[in-house]
Amino acid sequence: MRRGTLTYSALRDFRNCRRRYFNRHVREIVPVGRDAALFVGDVFHRALQAWFELDLADAEKTEAAVAGIVAMIDQAFLARDGDPEQKRLWHVTRAMFRGYITRYPREEFEVVAVEREFDAPIINPGTGYPSRVHRMRGKVDLLVRMRETGEYWIVEHKSAAVLDGDYLEKLPLDAQVHLYVHYLSRDMGIPISGVIYDVAVKARLKQREGETEEEFEVRRAELVAKSKTGRSSAQRQLPETDDEYAARLAAKYDDPAMFHRETLYVAPADVAEFVAEVWDLNGQVNAARRENRWYRNTAQCFFGHGRPCPYFALCRSNDSPNVLENLYVHKPAHSELAAADVDADDTPAF
């Protein structure tokens, strides 16, 4: 029997809310449009993919190559001239990429693979036998080999709104990278020591809009009233030009604090715990599909600074056909993977 696909993101969805798993991985629907913050991360991720692929092609990282990657970023924000927010995000993404390659002009590792996929069995930790229904699949951003030690590491690119102690303290508990190290190691037959978290901070700077004539006159009158001479040399604050804003962002990304790399060895005991959890969740997914039971976890309706779950509107409407038709579109499950298989069962999608 052909085995279906499970991924870390699918298992995370199932663990957090079975209804969310059902909507994304059984119904195969996603909301219309994209979250702006997530879109910036996606574009930056693609830019880094192209940057590190230059190593595999044995090509020089010339200004022409950089210009080609910047042009790719430009293509992702085609509505920027008529959309101020898209324009801001375009500026930030360009500056973040330029800042990154300036911060890391040379690496202590050689690139082995970019966007390397793995496909490995899900093993029952008690018996050692594989699941007959699913296999674990995924994709790592980079697989690298350290020049000095010869150790293999995976590199995970992250873009964060805030990089603080709380963010870094949680990294050792990241189940995703533990599983990626384990399954990629099994798939390739090589030992992988751990993960290098490659974090870039998304700047919050906004382009200055300047003052209208009316706003300037109000401010000038206030300054005159406070002046002992009854005069003011104040000048109207003009809108910041694109070049001025780009220069201010470039200066921001000159700050080393906008980038951070955290190296973590993966402990075998932690890997074993997460792998056992995968087996348990695999069984729960099978049971939910068999019984067609997709419970809602209302504690997960809002997360990340109060952002609603992508399927909140659908759940709140009790699966209204109008909401489904107008706010959601079909997108195959696991579409980030090459030729991803559908899950191997006969559960109806709706």
C-alpha atoms as a PDB file:
ATOM      1  CA  MET A   1       0.000   0.000   0.000  1.00  0.00           C
ATOM      2  CA  ARG A   2       1.301   3.436  -0.852  1.00  0.00           C
ATOM      3  CA  ARG A   3       1.984   5.371   2.307  1.00  0.00           C
ATOM      4  CA  GLY A   4       0.690   8.892   2.763  1.00  0.00           C
ATOM      5  CA  THR A   5       2.595  11.935   3.938  1.00  0.00           C
ATOM      6  CA  LEU A   6       2.903  13.500   7.350  1.00  0.00           C
ATOM      7  CA  THR A   7       4.969  16.614   7.987  1.00  0.00           C
ATOM      8  CA  TYR A   8       5.924  18.500  11.098  1.00  0.00           C
ATOM      9  CA  SER A   9       3.534  21.341  10.239  1.00  0.00           C
ATOM     10  CA  ALA A  10       0.677  18.863   9.751  1.00  0.00           C
ATOM     11  CA  LEU A  11       1.342  17.197  13.103  1.00  0.00           C
ATOM     12  CA  ARG A  12       1.629  20.591  14.791  1.00  0.00           C
ATOM     13  CA  ASP A  13      -1.746  21.567  13.369  1.00  0.00           C
ATOM     14  CA  PHE A  14      -3.294  18.315  14.543  1.00  0.00           C
ATOM     15  CA  ARG A  15      -1.830  18.617  18.037  1.00  0.00           C
ATOM     16  CA  ASN A  16      -3.022  22.220  18.391  1.00  0.00           C
ATOM     17  CA  CYS A  17      -6.462  21.802  16.803  1.00  0.00           C
ATOM     18  CA  ARG A  18      -7.856  18.823  14.929  1.00  0.00           C
ATOM     19  CA  ARG A  19     -10.301  21.021  13.009  1.00  0.00           C
ATOM     20  CA  ARG A  20      -7.423  23.110  11.711  1.00  0.00           C
ATOM     21  CA  TYR A  21      -5.679  19.929  10.555  1.00  0.00           C
ATOM     22  CA  PHE A  22      -8.888  18.819   8.862  1.00  0.00           C
ATOM     23  CA  ASN A  23      -9.314  22.112   6.990  1.00  0.00           C
ATOM     24  CA  ARG A  24      -5.719  22.302   5.783  1.00  0.00           C
ATOM     25  CA  HIS A  25      -4.737  18.676   5.257  1.00  0.00           C
ATOM     26  CA  VAL A  26      -7.997  16.894   4.470  1.00  0.00           C
ATOM     27  CA  ARG A  27     -10.170  19.594   2.936  1.00  0.00           C
ATOM     28  CA  GLU A  28      -7.006  21.194   1.532  1.00  0.00           C
ATOM     29  CA  ILE A  29      -8.152  24.814   1.803  1.00  0.00           C
ATOM     30  CA  VAL A  30      -6.315  28.015   2.747  1.00  0.00           C
ATOM     31  CA  PRO A  31      -7.522  31.595   3.286  1.00  0.00           C
ATOM     32  CA  VAL A  32      -7.611  33.960   0.336  1.00  0.00           C
ATOM     33  CA  GLY A  33      -4.620  36.327   0.460  1.00  0.00           C
ATOM     34  CA  ARG A  34      -1.489  36.196   2.561  1.00  0.00           C
ATOM     35  CA  ASP A  35      -0.468  37.466   5.976  1.00  0.00           C
ATOM     36  CA  ALA A  36       1.921  40.360   5.252  1.00  0.00           C
ATOM     37  CA  ALA A  37       4.370  39.440   8.002  1.00  0.00           C
ATOM     38  CA  LEU A  38       4.546  35.821   6.814  1.00  0.00           C
ATOM     39  CA  PHE A  39       4.959  36.963   3.220  1.00  0.00           C
ATOM     40  CA  VAL A  40       8.091  38.955   4.098  1.00  0.00           C
ATOM     41  CA  GLY A  41       9.545  35.848   5.723  1.00  0.00           C
ATOM     42  CA  ASP A  42       8.765  33.763   2.633  1.00  0.00           C
ATOM     43  CA  VAL A  43      10.387  36.234   0.222  1.00  0.00           C
ATOM     44  CA  PHE A  44      13.462  36.634   2.421  1.00  0.00           C
ATOM     45  CA  HIS A  45      13.694  32.842   2.672  1.00  0.00           C
ATOM     46  CA  ARG A  46      13.649  32.513  -1.134  1.00  0.00           C
ATOM     47  CA  ALA A  47      16.341  35.169  -1.401  1.00  0.00           C
ATOM     48  CA  LEU A  48      18.595  33.232   0.977  1.00  0.00           C
ATOM     49  CA  GLN A  49      17.887  30.046  -0.941  1.00  0.00           C
ATOM     50  CA  ALA A  50      19.142  31.708  -4.122  1.00  0.00           C
ATOM     51  CA  TRP A  51      22.132  33.138  -2.245  1.00  0.00           C
ATOM     52  CA  PHE A  52      23.313  29.778  -0.927  1.00  0.00           C
ATOM     53  CA  GLU A  53      22.604  28.009  -4.203  1.00  0.00           C
ATOM     54  CA  LEU A  54      25.428  30.101  -5.633  1.00  0.00           C
ATOM     55  CA  ASP A  55      27.797  27.975  -3.529  1.00  0.00           C
ATOM     56  CA  LEU A  56      26.489  24.767  -5.080  1.00  0.00           C
ATOM     57  CA  ALA A  57      26.853  26.207  -8.551  1.00  0.00           C
ATOM     58  CA  ASP A  58      30.461  27.147  -7.726  1.00  0.00           C
ATOM     59  CA  ALA A  59      29.600  30.673  -8.834  1.00  0.00           C
ATOM     60  CA  GLU A  60      31.134  33.851  -7.507  1.00  0.00           C
ATOM     61  CA  LYS A  61      28.867  35.910  -5.306  1.00  0.00           C
ATOM     62  CA  THR A  62      29.295  38.947  -7.500  1.00  0.00           C
ATOM     63  CA  GLU A  63      27.303  42.156  -7.472  1.00  0.00           C
ATOM     64  CA  ALA A  64      25.562  40.911 -10.626  1.00  0.00           C
ATOM     65  CA  ALA A  65      24.397  37.800  -8.784  1.00  0.00           C
ATOM     66  CA  VAL A  66      23.209  39.932  -5.873  1.00  0.00           C
ATOM     67  CA  ALA A  67      21.358  42.217  -8.286  1.00  0.00           C
ATOM     68  CA  GLY A  68      19.535  39.199  -9.691  1.00  0.00           C
ATOM     69  CA  ILE A  69      18.341  38.168  -6.237  1.00  0.00           C
ATOM     70  CA  VAL A  70      17.259  41.741  -5.444  1.00  0.00           C
ATOM     71  CA  ALA A  71      15.304  41.753  -8.719  1.00  0.00           C
ATOM     72  CA  MET A  72      13.533  38.604  -7.537  1.00  0.00           C
ATOM     73  CA  ILE A  73      12.547  40.436  -4.352  1.00  0.00           C
ATOM     74  CA  ASP A  74      11.235  43.310  -6.479  1.00  0.00           C
ATOM     75  CA  GLN A  75       9.054  40.901  -8.450  1.00  0.00           C
ATOM     76  CA  ALA A  76       7.384  39.729  -5.244  1.00  0.00           C
ATOM     77  CA  PHE A  77       6.107  43.250  -4.459  1.00  0.00           C
ATOM     78  CA  LEU A  78       4.682  44.364  -7.796  1.00  0.00           C
ATOM     79  CA  ALA A  79       1.862  46.384  -6.187  1.00  0.00           C
ATOM     80  CA  ARG A  80       4.236  48.511  -4.105  1.00  0.00           C
ATOM     81  CA  ASP A  81       3.665  51.740  -6.048  1.00  0.00           C
ATOM     82  CA  GLY A  82      -0.030  51.727  -5.176  1.00  0.00           C
ATOM     83  CA  ASP A  83       0.111  50.034  -1.776  1.00  0.00           C
ATOM     84  CA  PRO A  84       2.030  51.889   0.974  1.00  0.00           C
ATOM     85  CA  GLU A  85       2.271  48.856   3.245  1.00  0.00           C
ATOM     86  CA  GLN A  86       3.590  46.633   0.467  1.00  0.00           C
ATOM     87  CA  LYS A  87       6.075  49.354  -0.383  1.00  0.00           C
ATOM     88  CA  ARG A  88       7.325  49.412   3.219  1.00  0.00           C
ATOM     89  CA  LEU A  89       7.698  45.631   3.295  1.00  0.00           C
ATOM     90  CA  TRP A  90       9.546  45.727  -0.022  1.00  0.00           C
ATOM     91  CA  HIS A  91      12.034  48.229   1.404  1.00  0.00           C
ATOM     92  CA  VAL A  92      12.475  46.138   4.566  1.00  0.00           C
ATOM     93  CA  THR A  93      13.019  42.867   2.679  1.00  0.00           C
ATOM     94  CA  ARG A  94      15.614  44.422   0.350  1.00  0.00           C
ATOM     95  CA  ALA A  95      17.456  46.000   3.274  1.00  0.00           C
ATOM     96  CA  MET A  96      17.320  42.781   5.294  1.00  0.00           C
ATOM     97  CA  PHE A  97      18.842  40.776   2.445  1.00  0.00           C
ATOM     98  CA  ARG A  98      21.550  43.351   1.746  1.00  0.00           C
ATOM     99  CA  GLY A  99      22.322  43.541   5.456  1.00  0.00           C
ATOM    100  CA  TYR A 100      22.531  39.755   5.711  1.00  0.00           C
ATOM    101  CA  ILE A 101      25.079  39.268   2.955  1.00  0.00           C
ATOM    102  CA  THR A 102      27.139  42.123   4.385  1.00  0.00           C
ATOM    103  CA  ARG A 103      27.009  40.563   7.854  1.00  0.00           C
ATOM    104  CA  TYR A 104      28.012  37.111   6.564  1.00  0.00           C
ATOM    105  CA  PRO A 105      30.318  37.598   3.559  1.00  0.00           C
ATOM    106  CA  ARG A 106      32.221  34.369   4.362  1.00  0.00           C
ATOM    107  CA  GLU A 107      31.083  31.216   6.128  1.00  0.00           C
ATOM    108  CA  GLU A 108      32.795  28.664   8.350  1.00  0.00           C
ATOM    109  CA  PHE A 109      30.948  25.902   6.522  1.00  0.00           C
ATOM    110  CA  GLU A 110      30.511  24.573   3.020  1.00  0.00           C
ATOM    111  CA  VAL A 111      27.031  24.126   1.637  1.00  0.00           C
ATOM    112  CA  VAL A 112      26.101  20.486   1.020  1.00  0.00           C
ATOM    113  CA  ALA A 113      22.462  20.948   0.023  1.00  0.00           C
ATOM    114  CA  VAL A 114      19.875  23.713  -0.230  1.00  0.00           C
ATOM    115  CA  GLU A 115      16.190  23.002   0.454  1.00  0.00           C
ATOM    116  CA  ARG A 116      17.016  19.324   0.942  1.00  0.00           C
ATOM    117  CA  GLU A 117      13.924  17.118   1.295  1.00  0.00           C
ATOM    118  CA  PHE A 118      13.796  13.956   3.361  1.00  0.00           C
ATOM    119  CA  ASP A 119      11.436  10.983   3.249  1.00  0.00           C
ATOM    120  CA  ALA A 120      11.772   8.526   6.118  1.00  0.00           C
ATOM    121  CA  PRO A 121       9.643   5.883   7.869  1.00  0.00           C
ATOM    122  CA  ILE A 122       7.748   6.639  11.080  1.00  0.00           C
ATOM    123  CA  ILE A 123       8.979   3.990  13.484  1.00  0.00           C
ATOM    124  CA  ASN A 124       7.093   2.477  16.403  1.00  0.00           C
ATOM    125  CA  PRO A 125       9.558   3.029  19.306  1.00  0.00           C
ATOM    126  CA  GLY A 126       8.248  -0.067  21.078  1.00  0.00           C
ATOM    127  CA  THR A 127       8.534  -2.583  18.240  1.00  0.00           C
ATOM    128  CA  GLY A 128      10.897  -0.969  15.748  1.00  0.00           C
ATOM    129  CA  TYR A 129       8.395  -1.515  12.905  1.00  0.00           C
ATOM    130  CA  PRO A 130       7.363   1.313  10.560  1.00  0.00           C
ATOM    131  CA  SER A 131       3.897   2.758  10.151  1.00  0.00           C
ATOM    132  CA  ARG A 132       1.947   1.097   7.353  1.00  0.00           C
ATOM    133  CA  VAL A 133      -0.033   4.284   6.687  1.00  0.00           C
ATOM    134  CA  HIS A 134       2.300   7.287   6.751  1.00  0.00           C
ATOM    135  CA  ARG A 135       5.881   8.341   6.167  1.00  0.00           C
ATOM    136  CA  MET A 136       7.508  11.482   7.558  1.00  0.00           C
ATOM    137  CA  ARG A 137       8.533  14.055   5.003  1.00  0.00           C
ATOM    138  CA  GLY A 138       9.980  17.524   5.213  1.00  0.00           C
ATOM    139  CA  LYS A 139      12.539  19.981   3.923  1.00  0.00           C
ATOM    140  CA  VAL A 140      15.528  21.620   5.607  1.00  0.00           C
ATOM    141  CA  ASP A 141      16.753  25.058   4.587  1.00  0.00           C
ATOM    142  CA  LEU A 142      20.447  24.134   4.463  1.00  0.00           C
ATOM    143  CA  LEU A 143      22.627  21.134   5.111  1.00  0.00           C
ATOM    144  CA  VAL A 144      26.212  22.217   5.723  1.00  0.00           C
ATOM    145  CA  ARG A 145      29.554  20.684   6.686  1.00  0.00           C
ATOM    146  CA  MET A 146      31.866  22.598   9.018  1.00  0.00           C
ATOM    147  CA  ARG A 147      35.239  23.164   7.392  1.00  0.00           C
ATOM    148  CA  GLU A 148      37.211  22.777  10.624  1.00  0.00           C
ATOM    149  CA  THR A 149      35.524  19.714  12.177  1.00  0.00           C
ATOM    150  CA  GLY A 150      33.779  18.010   9.261  1.00  0.00           C
ATOM    151  CA  GLU A 151      30.538  17.849  11.251  1.00  0.00           C
ATOM    152  CA  TYR A 152      27.207  18.038   9.452  1.00  0.00           C
ATOM    153  CA  TRP A 153      24.641  20.616  10.628  1.00  0.00           C
ATOM    154  CA  ILE A 154      21.313  21.829   9.405  1.00  0.00           C
ATOM    155  CA  VAL A 155      20.713  25.573   9.160  1.00  0.00           C
ATOM    156  CA  GLU A 156      17.241  26.970   9.799  1.00  0.00           C
ATOM    157  CA  HIS A 157      16.555  30.486   8.501  1.00  0.00           C
ATOM    158  CA  LYS A 158      14.220  32.492  10.725  1.00  0.00           C
ATOM    159  CA  SER A 159      12.856  36.021  10.438  1.00  0.00           C
ATOM    160  CA  ALA A 160      11.581  37.451  13.703  1.00  0.00           C
ATOM    161  CA  ALA A 161       9.743  40.598  14.722  1.00  0.00           C
ATOM    162  CA  VAL A 162      11.587  40.580  18.056  1.00  0.00           C
ATOM    163  CA  LEU A 163      14.801  38.821  19.040  1.00  0.00           C
ATOM    164  CA  ASP A 164      15.063  38.686  22.816  1.00  0.00           C
ATOM    165  CA  GLY A 165      15.873  36.318  25.645  1.00  0.00           C
ATOM    166  CA  ASP A 166      12.459  34.672  25.526  1.00  0.00           C
ATOM    167  CA  TYR A 167      12.898  33.845  21.830  1.00  0.00           C
ATOM    168  CA  LEU A 168      16.326  32.299  22.377  1.00  0.00           C
ATOM    169  CA  GLU A 169      15.374  30.443  25.565  1.00  0.00           C
ATOM    170  CA  LYS A 170      12.682  28.462  23.727  1.00  0.00           C
ATOM    171  CA  LEU A 171      14.934  27.251  20.911  1.00  0.00           C
ATOM    172  CA  PRO A 172      16.196  24.093  22.708  1.00  0.00           C
ATOM    173  CA  LEU A 173      12.546  22.962  22.953  1.00  0.00           C
ATOM    174  CA  ASP A 174      11.914  23.295  19.217  1.00  0.00           C
ATOM    175  CA  ALA A 175      10.542  19.904  18.201  1.00  0.00           C
ATOM    176  CA  GLN A 176      10.781  20.665  14.499  1.00  0.00           C
ATOM    177  CA  VAL A 177      14.566  20.823  14.265  1.00  0.00           C
ATOM    178  CA  HIS A 178      15.030  17.754  16.458  1.00  0.00           C
ATOM    179  CA  LEU A 179      12.811  15.799  14.094  1.00  0.00           C
ATOM    180  CA  TYR A 180      14.503  17.253  11.019  1.00  0.00           C
ATOM    181  CA  VAL A 181      17.929  16.234  12.333  1.00  0.00           C
ATOM    182  CA  HIS A 182      16.658  12.717  13.073  1.00  0.00           C
ATOM    183  CA  TYR A 183      14.779  12.054   9.848  1.00  0.00           C
ATOM    184  CA  LEU A 184      17.300  13.688   7.500  1.00  0.00           C
ATOM    185  CA  SER A 185      20.069  11.714   9.191  1.00  0.00           C
ATOM    186  CA  ARG A 186      18.108   8.484   8.593  1.00  0.00           C
ATOM    187  CA  ASP A 187      17.294   9.441   5.027  1.00  0.00           C
ATOM    188  CA  MET A 188      20.888  10.307   4.072  1.00  0.00           C
ATOM    189  CA  GLY A 189      22.711   7.861   6.333  1.00  0.00           C
ATOM    190  CA  ILE A 190      24.967  10.504   7.875  1.00  0.00           C
ATOM    191  CA  PRO A 191      25.344  11.799  11.453  1.00  0.00           C
ATOM    192  CA  ILE A 192      24.015  15.337  11.932  1.00  0.00           C
ATOM    193  CA  SER A 193      25.226  17.130  15.041  1.00  0.00           C
ATOM    194  CA  GLY A 194      22.550  19.765  15.451  1.00  0.00           C
ATOM    195  CA  VAL A 195      21.088  22.987  14.156  1.00  0.00           C
ATOM    196  CA  ILE A 196      22.294  26.506  13.494  1.00  0.00           C
ATOM    197  CA  TYR A 197      19.423  28.965  13.933  1.00  0.00           C
ATOM    198  CA  ASP A 198      20.026  31.782  11.466  1.00  0.00           C
ATOM    199  CA  VAL A 199      17.806  34.641  12.662  1.00  0.00           C
ATOM    200  CA  ALA A 200      17.161  37.997  10.996  1.00  0.00           C
ATOM    201  CA  VAL A 201      15.064  40.699  12.666  1.00  0.00           C
ATOM    202  CA  LYS A 202      12.382  42.469  10.649  1.00  0.00           C
ATOM    203  CA  ALA A 203      12.913  46.221  11.106  1.00  0.00           C
ATOM    204  CA  ARG A 204       9.918  48.205  12.311  1.00  0.00           C
ATOM    205  CA  LEU A 205      11.035  51.514  10.814  1.00  0.00           C
ATOM    206  CA  LYS A 206       8.411  53.273   8.727  1.00  0.00           C
ATOM    207  CA  GLN A 207       8.883  55.792   5.962  1.00  0.00           C
ATOM    208  CA  ARG A 208       8.259  59.294   7.326  1.00  0.00           C
ATOM    209  CA  GLU A 209       5.176  60.874   5.807  1.00  0.00           C
ATOM    210  CA  GLY A 210       6.039  64.499   6.599  1.00  0.00           C
ATOM    211  CA  GLU A 211       3.580  67.274   7.454  1.00  0.00           C
ATOM    212  CA  THR A 212       0.720  68.849   5.587  1.00  0.00           C
ATOM    213  CA  GLU A 213       0.681  72.649   5.326  1.00  0.00           C
ATOM    214  CA  GLU A 214      -2.014  72.773   8.003  1.00  0.00           C
ATOM    215  CA  GLU A 215      -0.046  70.568  10.404  1.00  0.00           C
ATOM    216  CA  PHE A 216       3.052  72.694   9.878  1.00  0.00           C
ATOM    217  CA  GLU A 217       1.187  75.927  10.575  1.00  0.00           C
ATOM    218  CA  VAL A 218      -0.220  74.508  13.813  1.00  0.00           C
ATOM    219  CA  ARG A 219       3.220  73.364  14.970  1.00  0.00           C
ATOM    220  CA  ARG A 220       4.825  76.660  13.942  1.00  0.00           C
ATOM    221  CA  ALA A 221       2.210  78.654  15.842  1.00  0.00           C
ATOM    222  CA  GLU A 222       2.890  76.598  18.971  1.00  0.00           C
ATOM    223  CA  LEU A 223       6.628  77.226  18.674  1.00  0.00           C
ATOM    224  CA  VAL A 224       6.086  80.974  18.142  1.00  0.00           C
ATOM    225  CA  ALA A 225       3.876  81.125  21.232  1.00  0.00           C
ATOM    226  CA  LYS A 226       6.642  79.541  23.316  1.00  0.00           C
ATOM    227  CA  SER A 227       9.411  81.709  21.844  1.00  0.00           C
ATOM    228  CA  LYS A 228      10.613  84.797  23.717  1.00  0.00           C
ATOM    229  CA  THR A 229      11.196  86.572  20.410  1.00  0.00           C
ATOM    230  CA  GLY A 230       7.815  85.713  18.950  1.00  0.00           C
ATOM    231  CA  ARG A 231       9.545  84.051  16.008  1.00  0.00           C
ATOM    232  CA  SER A 232      10.398  80.533  14.842  1.00  0.00           C
ATOM    233  CA  SER A 233      12.863  79.179  12.296  1.00  0.00           C
ATOM    234  CA  ALA A 234      10.953  75.903  12.011  1.00  0.00           C
ATOM    235  CA  GLN A 235      10.582  74.420   8.540  1.00  0.00           C
ATOM    236  CA  ARG A 236       7.952  72.094   7.250  1.00  0.00           C
ATOM    237  CA  GLN A 237       8.869  68.418   7.612  1.00  0.00           C
ATOM    238  CA  LEU A 238       8.774  66.970   4.083  1.00  0.00           C
ATOM    239  CA  PRO A 239       7.979  63.329   3.275  1.00  0.00           C
ATOM    240  CA  GLU A 240      10.972  61.008   3.395  1.00  0.00           C
ATOM    241  CA  THR A 241      12.100  59.995  -0.074  1.00  0.00           C
ATOM    242  CA  ASP A 242      12.572  56.358  -1.040  1.00  0.00           C
ATOM    243  CA  ASP A 243      16.350  56.849  -1.137  1.00  0.00           C
ATOM    244  CA  GLU A 244      16.360  58.430   2.316  1.00  0.00           C
ATOM    245  CA  TYR A 245      14.224  55.646   3.751  1.00  0.00           C
ATOM    246  CA  ALA A 246      16.401  52.978   2.116  1.00  0.00           C
ATOM    247  CA  ALA A 247      19.515  54.618   3.573  1.00  0.00           C
ATOM    248  CA  ARG A 248      17.969  54.683   7.058  1.00  0.00           C
ATOM    249  CA  LEU A 249      17.070  50.988   6.784  1.00  0.00           C
ATOM    250  CA  ALA A 250      20.582  50.164   5.548  1.00  0.00           C
ATOM    251  CA  ALA A 251      22.014  51.922   8.607  1.00  0.00           C
ATOM    252  CA  LYS A 252      19.643  49.919  10.798  1.00  0.00           C
ATOM    253  CA  TYR A 253      20.862  46.646   9.308  1.00  0.00           C
ATOM    254  CA  ASP A 254      24.470  47.665   9.889  1.00  0.00           C
ATOM    255  CA  ASP A 255      23.714  46.915  13.541  1.00  0.00           C
ATOM    256  CA  PRO A 256      24.953  43.360  14.314  1.00  0.00           C
ATOM    257  CA  ALA A 257      22.005  42.970  16.714  1.00  0.00           C
ATOM    258  CA  MET A 258      19.691  42.658  13.679  1.00  0.00           C
ATOM    259  CA  PHE A 259      21.175  39.230  12.969  1.00  0.00           C
ATOM    260  CA  HIS A 260      21.939  36.312  15.241  1.00  0.00           C
ATOM    261  CA  ARG A 261      23.108  32.723  14.913  1.00  0.00           C
ATOM    262  CA  GLU A 262      22.475  30.243  17.683  1.00  0.00           C
ATOM    263  CA  THR A 263      24.217  26.863  17.528  1.00  0.00           C
ATOM    264  CA  LEU A 264      22.571  23.979  19.376  1.00  0.00           C
ATOM    265  CA  TYR A 265      23.683  20.390  19.613  1.00  0.00           C
ATOM    266  CA  VAL A 266      20.746  17.971  19.513  1.00  0.00           C
ATOM    267  CA  ALA A 267      20.546  15.653  22.514  1.00  0.00           C
ATOM    268  CA  PRO A 268      19.639  12.019  21.679  1.00  0.00           C
ATOM    269  CA  ALA A 269      17.203  11.861  24.617  1.00  0.00           C
ATOM    270  CA  ASP A 270      15.276  14.859  23.302  1.00  0.00           C
ATOM    271  CA  VAL A 271      15.179  13.357  19.813  1.00  0.00           C
ATOM    272  CA  ALA A 272      13.831  10.075  21.184  1.00  0.00           C
ATOM    273  CA  GLU A 273      11.054  11.903  23.033  1.00  0.00           C
ATOM    274  CA  PHE A 274       9.938  13.859  19.972  1.00  0.00           C
ATOM    275  CA  VAL A 275      10.136  10.789  17.708  1.00  0.00           C
ATOM    276  CA  ALA A 276       7.916   8.858  20.155  1.00  0.00           C
ATOM    277  CA  GLU A 277       5.451  11.742  20.070  1.00  0.00           C
ATOM    278  CA  VAL A 278       5.365  11.530  16.267  1.00  0.00           C
ATOM    279  CA  TRP A 279       4.394   7.859  16.531  1.00  0.00           C
ATOM    280  CA  ASP A 280       1.619   8.671  19.003  1.00  0.00           C
ATOM    281  CA  LEU A 281       0.278  11.512  16.861  1.00  0.00           C
ATOM    282  CA  ASN A 282       0.439   9.305  13.783  1.00  0.00           C
ATOM    283  CA  GLY A 283      -1.907   6.876  15.516  1.00  0.00           C
ATOM    284  CA  GLN A 284      -4.242   9.666  16.606  1.00  0.00           C
ATOM    285  CA  VAL A 285      -4.398  11.048  13.046  1.00  0.00           C
ATOM    286  CA  ASN A 286      -5.297   7.581  11.771  1.00  0.00           C
ATOM    287  CA  ALA A 287      -8.056   7.243  14.379  1.00  0.00           C
ATOM    288  CA  ALA A 288      -9.480  10.698  13.667  1.00  0.00           C
ATOM    289  CA  ARG A 289      -9.646   9.943   9.966  1.00  0.00           C
ATOM    290  CA  ARG A 290     -11.159   6.536  10.538  1.00  0.00           C
ATOM    291  CA  GLU A 291     -13.851   7.919  12.834  1.00  0.00           C
ATOM    292  CA  ASN A 292     -14.157  11.257  11.008  1.00  0.00           C
ATOM    293  CA  ARG A 293     -13.805  13.165  14.292  1.00  0.00           C
ATOM    294  CA  TRP A 294     -12.253  16.618  14.046  1.00  0.00           C
ATOM    295  CA  TYR A 295     -12.696  18.364  17.377  1.00  0.00           C
ATOM    296  CA  ARG A 296     -12.168  22.105  17.747  1.00  0.00           C
ATOM    297  CA  ASN A 297      -9.683  23.418  20.282  1.00  0.00           C
ATOM    298  CA  THR A 298     -11.103  26.859  21.037  1.00  0.00           C
ATOM    299  CA  ALA A 299      -8.026  27.730  23.118  1.00  0.00           C
ATOM    300  CA  GLN A 300      -6.166  27.957  19.788  1.00  0.00           C
ATOM    301  CA  CYS A 301      -8.545  30.381  18.039  1.00  0.00           C
ATOM    302  CA  PHE A 302      -6.145  33.261  18.691  1.00  0.00           C
ATOM    303  CA  PHE A 303      -2.375  33.159  18.939  1.00  0.00           C
ATOM    304  CA  GLY A 304       0.690  35.309  18.271  1.00  0.00           C
ATOM    305  CA  HIS A 305      -0.308  38.792  19.474  1.00  0.00           C
ATOM    306  CA  GLY A 306      -4.010  38.031  19.151  1.00  0.00           C
ATOM    307  CA  ARG A 307      -3.942  36.928  15.516  1.00  0.00           C
ATOM    308  CA  PRO A 308      -6.894  34.666  14.668  1.00  0.00           C
ATOM    309  CA  CYS A 309      -6.447  31.156  13.371  1.00  0.00           C
ATOM    310  CA  PRO A 310      -6.675  31.119   9.551  1.00  0.00           C
ATOM    311  CA  TYR A 311      -9.881  29.092   9.862  1.00  0.00           C
ATOM    312  CA  PHE A 312     -11.522  31.140  12.629  1.00  0.00           C
ATOM    313  CA  ALA A 313     -14.047  32.722  10.249  1.00  0.00           C
ATOM    314  CA  LEU A 314     -15.068  29.300   8.965  1.00  0.00           C
ATOM    315  CA  CYS A 315     -15.462  27.775  12.444  1.00  0.00           C
ATOM    316  CA  ARG A 316     -17.312  30.819  13.761  1.00  0.00           C
ATOM    317  CA  SER A 317     -19.801  30.563  10.888  1.00  0.00           C
ATOM    318  CA  ASN A 318     -20.346  26.838  11.545  1.00  0.00           C
ATOM    319  CA  ASP A 319     -18.905  25.992   8.136  1.00  0.00           C
ATOM    320  CA  SER A 320     -21.122  28.374   6.212  1.00  0.00           C
ATOM    321  CA  PRO A 321     -20.964  27.568   2.471  1.00  0.00           C
ATOM    322  CA  ASN A 322     -20.825  31.300   1.726  1.00  0.00           C
ATOM    323  CA  VAL A 323     -17.800  31.818   3.974  1.00  0.00           C
ATOM    324  CA  LEU A 324     -16.113  28.750   2.516  1.00  0.00           C
ATOM    325  CA  GLU A 325     -16.676  29.911  -1.066  1.00  0.00           C
ATOM    326  CA  ASN A 326     -15.679  33.552  -0.566  1.00  0.00           C
ATOM    327  CA  LEU A 327     -12.835  33.407   1.940  1.00  0.00           C
ATOM    328  CA  TYR A 328     -11.039  30.149   1.093  1.00  0.00           C
ATOM    329  CA  VAL A 329      -9.414  28.526  -1.914  1.00  0.00           C
ATOM    330  CA  HIS A 330      -8.102  25.045  -2.633  1.00  0.00           C
ATOM    331  CA  LYS A 331      -4.388  24.362  -2.155  1.00  0.00           C
ATOM    332  CA  PRO A 332      -2.985  20.821  -2.105  1.00  0.00           C
ATOM    333  CA  ALA A 333      -1.691  19.590   1.235  1.00  0.00           C
ATOM    334  CA  HIS A 334       2.098  19.485   1.593  1.00  0.00           C
ATOM    335  CA  SER A 335       2.444  21.587  -1.541  1.00  0.00           C
ATOM    336  CA  GLU A 336       5.852  22.774  -0.335  1.00  0.00           C
ATOM    337  CA  LEU A 337       7.193  19.287  -1.084  1.00  0.00           C
ATOM    338  CA  ALA A 338       7.970  17.902  -4.514  1.00  0.00           C
ATOM    339  CA  ALA A 339       5.212  15.590  -5.804  1.00  0.00           C
ATOM    340  CA  ALA A 340       3.679  15.224  -2.349  1.00  0.00           C
ATOM    341  CA  ASP A 341       1.349  12.246  -2.010  1.00  0.00           C
ATOM    342  CA  VAL A 342      -2.138  12.584  -0.597  1.00  0.00           C
ATOM    343  CA  ASP A 343      -2.811  10.848   2.692  1.00  0.00           C
ATOM    344  CA  ALA A 344      -3.579   7.175   2.122  1.00  0.00           C
ATOM    345  CA  ASP A 345      -7.154   6.703   3.265  1.00  0.00           C
ATOM    346  CA  ASP A 346     -10.693   6.975   1.974  1.00  0.00           C
ATOM    347  CA  THR A 347     -11.998   9.650   4.329  1.00  0.00           C
ATOM    348  CA  PRO A 348     -14.270  12.026   2.418  1.00  0.00           C
ATOM    349  CA  ALA A 349     -12.844  15.556   2.156  1.00  0.00           C
ATOM    350  CA  PHE A 350     -16.134  17.225   3.121  1.00  0.00           C
END
